[in-house]
Protein backbone atom coordinates (compact mmCIF):
# COMPACT_ATOMS: atom_id res chain seq x y z
CA UNK A 1 22.29 -2.80 7.36
CA UNK A 2 20.38 -5.32 5.30
CA UNK A 3 17.67 -3.89 3.12
CA UNK A 4 15.52 -7.03 3.04
CA UNK A 5 13.44 -5.50 5.85
CA UNK A 6 11.85 -3.31 3.19
CA UNK A 7 10.57 -6.29 1.20
CA UNK A 8 9.41 -8.20 4.28
CA UNK A 9 7.66 -5.25 5.89
CA UNK A 10 5.92 -4.42 2.60
CA UNK A 11 4.75 -8.00 2.20
CA UNK A 12 3.49 -8.00 5.79
CA UNK A 13 1.57 -4.79 5.12
CA UNK A 14 -0.03 -6.38 2.05
CA UNK A 15 -1.20 -9.30 4.19
CA UNK A 16 -2.56 -6.93 6.84
CA UNK A 17 -4.41 -4.87 4.24
CA UNK A 18 -5.94 -8.03 2.80
CA UNK A 19 -7.07 -8.87 6.34
CA UNK A 20 -8.71 -5.45 6.56
CA UNK A 21 -10.41 -6.17 3.24
CA UNK A 22 -11.77 -9.48 4.55
CA UNK A 23 -13.04 -7.88 7.75
CA UNK A 24 -14.52 -4.77 6.14
CA UNK A 25 -16.07 -6.64 3.24
CA UNK A 26 -15.89 -6.07 -0.46
CA UNK A 27 -16.23 -2.41 -1.46
CA UNK A 28 -18.98 -1.54 -3.91
CA UNK A 29 -16.75 0.45 -6.27
CA UNK A 30 -13.73 -0.98 -8.08
CA UNK A 31 -10.27 0.04 -6.81
CA UNK A 32 -9.20 1.56 -10.11
CA UNK A 33 -11.96 4.20 -9.74
CA UNK A 34 -10.97 5.15 -6.19
CA UNK A 35 -8.59 8.01 -6.92
CA UNK A 36 -8.08 8.81 -3.23
CA UNK A 37 -6.64 5.38 -2.47
CA UNK A 38 -4.46 5.53 -5.57
CA UNK A 39 -3.16 8.97 -4.58
CA UNK A 40 -2.40 7.73 -1.07
CA UNK A 41 -0.57 4.75 -2.52
CA UNK A 42 1.56 6.92 -4.80
CA UNK A 43 2.52 9.22 -1.91
CA UNK A 44 3.47 6.24 0.27
CA UNK A 45 5.43 4.74 -2.65
CA UNK A 46 7.46 7.93 -3.06
CA UNK A 47 8.14 8.30 0.67
CA UNK A 48 9.20 4.68 1.16
CA UNK A 49 11.37 4.74 -1.95
CA UNK A 50 13.17 7.93 -0.89
CA UNK A 51 13.65 6.68 2.68
CA UNK A 52 15.04 3.37 1.44
CA UNK A 53 17.46 5.12 -0.91
CA UNK A 54 18.57 7.43 1.91
CA UNK A 55 19.29 4.32 4.00
CA UNK A 56 21.56 3.01 1.21
CA UNK A 57 19.25 0.28 -0.07
CA UNK A 58 19.91 -0.86 -3.64
CA UNK A 59 17.60 0.83 -6.14
CA UNK A 60 15.90 -2.41 -7.20
CA UNK A 61 15.07 -3.39 -3.64
CA UNK A 62 13.90 0.14 -2.82
CA UNK A 63 11.47 0.14 -5.73
CA UNK A 64 10.31 -3.44 -5.07
CA UNK A 65 9.64 -2.74 -1.41
CA UNK A 66 7.91 0.51 -2.24
CA UNK A 67 5.66 -1.38 -4.69
CA UNK A 68 4.57 -3.68 -1.86
CA UNK A 69 3.78 -0.63 0.27
CA UNK A 70 1.90 0.94 -2.66
CA UNK A 71 -0.27 -2.16 -3.05
CA UNK A 72 -0.92 -2.38 0.69
CA UNK A 73 -1.92 1.27 0.90
CA UNK A 74 -4.27 1.12 -2.07
CA UNK A 75 -5.91 -2.06 -0.75
CA UNK A 76 -6.33 -0.83 2.82
CA UNK A 77 -7.56 2.67 1.98
CA UNK A 78 -9.95 1.32 -0.63
CA UNK A 79 -11.29 -1.29 1.78
CA UNK A 80 -11.95 1.28 4.49
CA UNK A 81 -13.31 3.99 2.18
CA UNK A 82 -15.45 1.59 0.16
CA UNK A 83 -17.43 0.50 3.21
CA UNK A 84 -17.72 3.84 4.99
CA UNK A 85 -18.57 6.10 2.05
CA UNK A 86 -22.16 7.16 1.51
CA UNK A 87 -23.98 4.79 -0.81
CA UNK A 88 -26.64 6.15 -3.18
């Protein structure tokens, strides 16, 4: 089984999360201060990396694909949380 699906699906998720960001609008807080979205991204990174390695993907491709998923998760969660959180 080819492991390029991991890279392509991660890149597609990045594009979808950017679409969410455009629709939801720019969050008021910077992404590096949103620890919830970073934590979600790290969990997704670990899960995708382990699943890819269990499916016999090469280590470099597993990490690269997981990085795409990490970026997509951070962007999407931050976009949704940044617009729905209570603003002072």
